[in-house]
Amino acid sequence: MVEQDWEGKEIDKDILVKGNKIYSPETCVFVDRAINLFLTDNGARRGICPIGVHIDSGGYIIGQCSNPFSSSRNARLGVYITAAAAHQAWKKRKHELACKLADLQTDERVANTLRARYSSDHLNDKSVI
């Protein structure tokens, strides 16, 4: 632990290895809380909507993305005709923000993971309805 940049940070076991359940020096890393929040997908709260998609009380399909650089929790990306279009807008914005976050990291493993996690060829499109 003392060999890493840990002060004021949280330990995370599944940023470097998605779905990891083992705490070890090779699989764990210390990150800012903002990164943990940025990586949370809130699947239980989202319900049947794909990630980044919200259907408001009027039935409009809204694209939204958490923004660690903003004081508001979720940034609205727009109103879309389909959930797939809203999800695509989310993917694009999530990747942009992940790259911005990556540029601020002192641990290159975290930076590389952020850049790769939301790249278009890395995302799983099975979440689109």
C-alpha atoms as a PDB file:
ATOM      1  CA  MET A   1       0.000   0.000   0.000  1.00  0.00           C
ATOM      2  CA  VAL A   2       2.678   2.509   0.984  1.00  0.00           C
ATOM      3  CA  GLU A   3       4.326   2.046  -2.418  1.00  0.00           C
ATOM      4  CA  GLN A   4       1.232   3.434  -4.159  1.00  0.00           C
ATOM      5  CA  ASP A   5      -0.380   6.871  -4.321  1.00  0.00           C
ATOM      6  CA  TRP A   6      -3.041   6.057  -1.688  1.00  0.00           C
ATOM      7  CA  GLU A   7      -3.620   9.080   0.544  1.00  0.00           C
ATOM      8  CA  GLY A   8      -7.180  10.392   0.298  1.00  0.00           C
ATOM      9  CA  LYS A   9      -8.142   7.593  -2.083  1.00  0.00           C
ATOM     10  CA  GLU A  10     -10.280   4.452  -1.973  1.00  0.00           C
ATOM     11  CA  ILE A  11      -9.073   0.953  -2.741  1.00  0.00           C
ATOM     12  CA  ASP A  12     -10.811  -0.682  -5.672  1.00  0.00           C
ATOM     13  CA  LYS A  13     -10.612  -4.320  -6.711  1.00  0.00           C
ATOM     14  CA  ASP A  14     -12.390  -4.330 -10.072  1.00  0.00           C
ATOM     15  CA  ILE A  15     -11.159  -1.334 -12.028  1.00  0.00           C
ATOM     16  CA  LEU A  16      -8.056  -3.061 -13.373  1.00  0.00           C
ATOM     17  CA  VAL A  17      -9.735  -6.472 -13.659  1.00  0.00           C
ATOM     18  CA  LYS A  18     -13.451  -6.106 -14.363  1.00  0.00           C
ATOM     19  CA  GLY A  19     -15.499  -8.344 -12.066  1.00  0.00           C
ATOM     20  CA  ASN A  20     -12.478  -9.187  -9.902  1.00  0.00           C
ATOM     21  CA  LYS A  21     -13.220 -10.562  -6.424  1.00  0.00           C
ATOM     22  CA  ILE A  22      -9.636 -10.879  -5.145  1.00  0.00           C
ATOM     23  CA  TYR A  23      -7.772  -8.186  -3.241  1.00  0.00           C
ATOM     24  CA  SER A  24      -4.093  -8.284  -4.223  1.00  0.00           C
ATOM     25  CA  PRO A  25      -1.333  -5.831  -5.244  1.00  0.00           C
ATOM     26  CA  GLU A  26      -1.754  -6.946  -8.871  1.00  0.00           C
ATOM     27  CA  THR A  27      -5.536  -6.549  -9.016  1.00  0.00           C
ATOM     28  CA  CYS A  28      -6.231  -3.613  -6.694  1.00  0.00           C
ATOM     29  CA  VAL A  29      -5.526   0.075  -7.026  1.00  0.00           C
ATOM     30  CA  PHE A  30      -6.216   3.258  -5.078  1.00  0.00           C
ATOM     31  CA  VAL A  31      -8.454   5.751  -6.891  1.00  0.00           C
ATOM     32  CA  ASP A  32     -10.274   8.978  -6.181  1.00  0.00           C
ATOM     33  CA  ARG A  33     -13.916   8.623  -5.163  1.00  0.00           C
ATOM     34  CA  ALA A  34     -14.908  10.470  -8.346  1.00  0.00           C
ATOM     35  CA  ILE A  35     -13.540   7.591 -10.424  1.00  0.00           C
ATOM     36  CA  ASN A  36     -15.449   4.984  -8.435  1.00  0.00           C
ATOM     37  CA  LEU A  37     -18.649   6.967  -8.906  1.00  0.00           C
ATOM     38  CA  PHE A  38     -17.923   7.485 -12.612  1.00  0.00           C
ATOM     39  CA  LEU A  39     -17.510   3.746 -13.166  1.00  0.00           C
ATOM     40  CA  THR A  40     -20.693   2.712 -11.324  1.00  0.00           C
ATOM     41  CA  ASP A  41     -23.391   1.650 -13.796  1.00  0.00           C
ATOM     42  CA  ASN A  42     -26.428   1.796 -11.447  1.00  0.00           C
ATOM     43  CA  GLY A  43     -28.030  -1.179 -13.148  1.00  0.00           C
ATOM     44  CA  ALA A  44     -30.557  -1.762 -10.375  1.00  0.00           C
ATOM     45  CA  ARG A  45     -31.818   1.831 -10.483  1.00  0.00           C
ATOM     46  CA  ARG A  46     -31.848   1.934 -14.279  1.00  0.00           C
ATOM     47  CA  GLY A  47     -34.318  -0.906 -14.680  1.00  0.00           C
ATOM     48  CA  ILE A  48     -34.813  -2.145 -18.237  1.00  0.00           C
ATOM     49  CA  CYS A  49     -33.231   0.870 -19.931  1.00  0.00           C
ATOM     50  CA  PRO A  50     -29.774   0.556 -21.442  1.00  0.00           C
ATOM     51  CA  ILE A  51     -27.013   2.328 -19.586  1.00  0.00           C
ATOM     52  CA  GLY A  52     -27.115   6.076 -20.182  1.00  0.00           C
ATOM     53  CA  VAL A  53     -30.820   6.036 -21.021  1.00  0.00           C
ATOM     54  CA  HIS A  54     -33.674   7.425 -18.957  1.00  0.00           C
ATOM     55  CA  ILE A  55     -37.349   7.612 -19.877  1.00  0.00           C
ATOM     56  CA  ASP A  56     -38.953  10.588 -18.174  1.00  0.00           C
ATOM     57  CA  SER A  57     -42.543  10.920 -16.964  1.00  0.00           C
ATOM     58  CA  GLY A  58     -43.616  12.302 -20.355  1.00  0.00           C
ATOM     59  CA  GLY A  59     -42.282   9.222 -22.135  1.00  0.00           C
ATOM     60  CA  TYR A  60     -39.307  11.016 -23.669  1.00  0.00           C
ATOM     61  CA  ILE A  61     -36.094   9.050 -24.103  1.00  0.00           C
ATOM     62  CA  ILE A  62     -33.292  11.020 -22.500  1.00  0.00           C
ATOM     63  CA  GLY A  63     -29.580  10.376 -22.890  1.00  0.00           C
ATOM     64  CA  GLN A  64     -27.602  11.216 -19.756  1.00  0.00           C
ATOM     65  CA  CYS A  65     -24.091  10.663 -18.428  1.00  0.00           C
ATOM     66  CA  SER A  66     -22.483  11.265 -15.054  1.00  0.00           C
ATOM     67  CA  ASN A  67     -19.857  13.987 -15.300  1.00  0.00           C
ATOM     68  CA  PRO A  68     -17.092  14.002 -12.680  1.00  0.00           C
ATOM     69  CA  PHE A  69     -16.096  17.527 -13.761  1.00  0.00           C
ATOM     70  CA  SER A  70     -19.513  19.042 -13.065  1.00  0.00           C
ATOM     71  CA  SER A  71     -21.312  19.841  -9.824  1.00  0.00           C
ATOM     72  CA  SER A  72     -24.544  18.345 -11.165  1.00  0.00           C
ATOM     73  CA  ARG A  73     -24.725  14.578 -10.876  1.00  0.00           C
ATOM     74  CA  ASN A  74     -25.914  13.692 -14.380  1.00  0.00           C
ATOM     75  CA  ALA A  75     -25.473  15.726 -17.534  1.00  0.00           C
ATOM     76  CA  ARG A  76     -28.381  15.542 -19.946  1.00  0.00           C
ATOM     77  CA  LEU A  77     -27.178  14.717 -23.453  1.00  0.00           C
ATOM     78  CA  GLY A  78     -30.438  15.242 -25.320  1.00  0.00           C
ATOM     79  CA  VAL A  79     -33.786  13.736 -26.233  1.00  0.00           C
ATOM     80  CA  TYR A  80     -33.728  10.832 -28.678  1.00  0.00           C
ATOM     81  CA  ILE A  81     -36.180   8.896 -30.810  1.00  0.00           C
ATOM     82  CA  THR A  82     -34.842   5.504 -29.738  1.00  0.00           C
ATOM     83  CA  ALA A  83     -33.110   4.051 -26.696  1.00  0.00           C
ATOM     84  CA  ALA A  84     -30.319   2.859 -29.003  1.00  0.00           C
ATOM     85  CA  ALA A  85     -29.625   6.435 -30.164  1.00  0.00           C
ATOM     86  CA  ALA A  86     -29.582   7.695 -26.562  1.00  0.00           C
ATOM     87  CA  HIS A  87     -27.232   4.858 -25.591  1.00  0.00           C
ATOM     88  CA  GLN A  88     -24.883   5.748 -28.462  1.00  0.00           C
ATOM     89  CA  ALA A  89     -24.767   9.358 -27.245  1.00  0.00           C
ATOM     90  CA  TRP A  90     -23.949   8.082 -23.750  1.00  0.00           C
ATOM     91  CA  LYS A  91     -21.122   5.860 -25.091  1.00  0.00           C
ATOM     92  CA  LYS A  92     -19.545   8.759 -26.946  1.00  0.00           C
ATOM     93  CA  ARG A  93     -19.714  11.145 -23.976  1.00  0.00           C
ATOM     94  CA  LYS A  94     -18.603   8.507 -21.445  1.00  0.00           C
ATOM     95  CA  HIS A  95     -15.489   7.815 -23.533  1.00  0.00           C
ATOM     96  CA  GLU A  96     -14.688  11.546 -23.799  1.00  0.00           C
ATOM     97  CA  LEU A  97     -14.979  11.978 -20.028  1.00  0.00           C
ATOM     98  CA  ALA A  98     -13.018   8.783 -19.304  1.00  0.00           C
ATOM     99  CA  CYS A  99     -10.132  10.051 -21.458  1.00  0.00           C
ATOM    100  CA  LYS A 100     -10.200  13.381 -19.623  1.00  0.00           C
ATOM    101  CA  LEU A 101     -10.094  11.546 -16.287  1.00  0.00           C
ATOM    102  CA  ALA A 102      -7.302   9.309 -17.576  1.00  0.00           C
ATOM    103  CA  ASP A 103      -5.139  12.342 -18.320  1.00  0.00           C
ATOM    104  CA  LEU A 104      -5.275  13.274 -14.618  1.00  0.00           C
ATOM    105  CA  GLN A 105      -4.195   9.891 -13.237  1.00  0.00           C
ATOM    106  CA  THR A 106      -0.863   9.254 -11.554  1.00  0.00           C
ATOM    107  CA  ASP A 107      -1.231   5.476 -11.958  1.00  0.00           C
ATOM    108  CA  GLU A 108      -0.792   4.568 -15.619  1.00  0.00           C
ATOM    109  CA  ARG A 109      -2.746   1.317 -15.089  1.00  0.00           C
ATOM    110  CA  VAL A 110      -5.817   3.324 -14.097  1.00  0.00           C
ATOM    111  CA  ALA A 111      -5.313   5.771 -16.977  1.00  0.00           C
ATOM    112  CA  ASN A 112      -5.053   2.936 -19.512  1.00  0.00           C
ATOM    113  CA  THR A 113      -8.108   1.196 -18.060  1.00  0.00           C
ATOM    114  CA  LEU A 114     -10.188   4.367 -18.272  1.00  0.00           C
ATOM    115  CA  ARG A 115      -9.197   4.965 -21.893  1.00  0.00           C
ATOM    116  CA  ALA A 116      -9.988   1.379 -22.870  1.00  0.00           C
ATOM    117  CA  ARG A 117     -13.119   0.764 -20.766  1.00  0.00           C
ATOM    118  CA  TYR A 118     -15.345   3.119 -22.758  1.00  0.00           C
ATOM    119  CA  SER A 119     -13.748   2.916 -26.194  1.00  0.00           C
ATOM    120  CA  SER A 120     -16.245   1.979 -28.900  1.00  0.00           C
ATOM    121  CA  ASP A 121     -14.611  -1.383 -29.622  1.00  0.00           C
ATOM    122  CA  HIS A 122     -14.525  -2.353 -25.918  1.00  0.00           C
ATOM    123  CA  LEU A 123     -18.178  -1.710 -24.997  1.00  0.00           C
ATOM    124  CA  ASN A 124     -20.726  -4.488 -25.078  1.00  0.00           C
ATOM    125  CA  ASP A 125     -23.740  -3.469 -27.164  1.00  0.00           C
ATOM    126  CA  LYS A 126     -25.997  -6.139 -25.622  1.00  0.00           C
ATOM    127  CA  SER A 127     -27.298  -3.453 -23.255  1.00  0.00           C
ATOM    128  CA  VAL A 128     -29.108  -1.679 -26.110  1.00  0.00           C
ATOM    129  CA  ILE A 129     -32.803  -2.455 -26.422  1.00  0.00           C
END
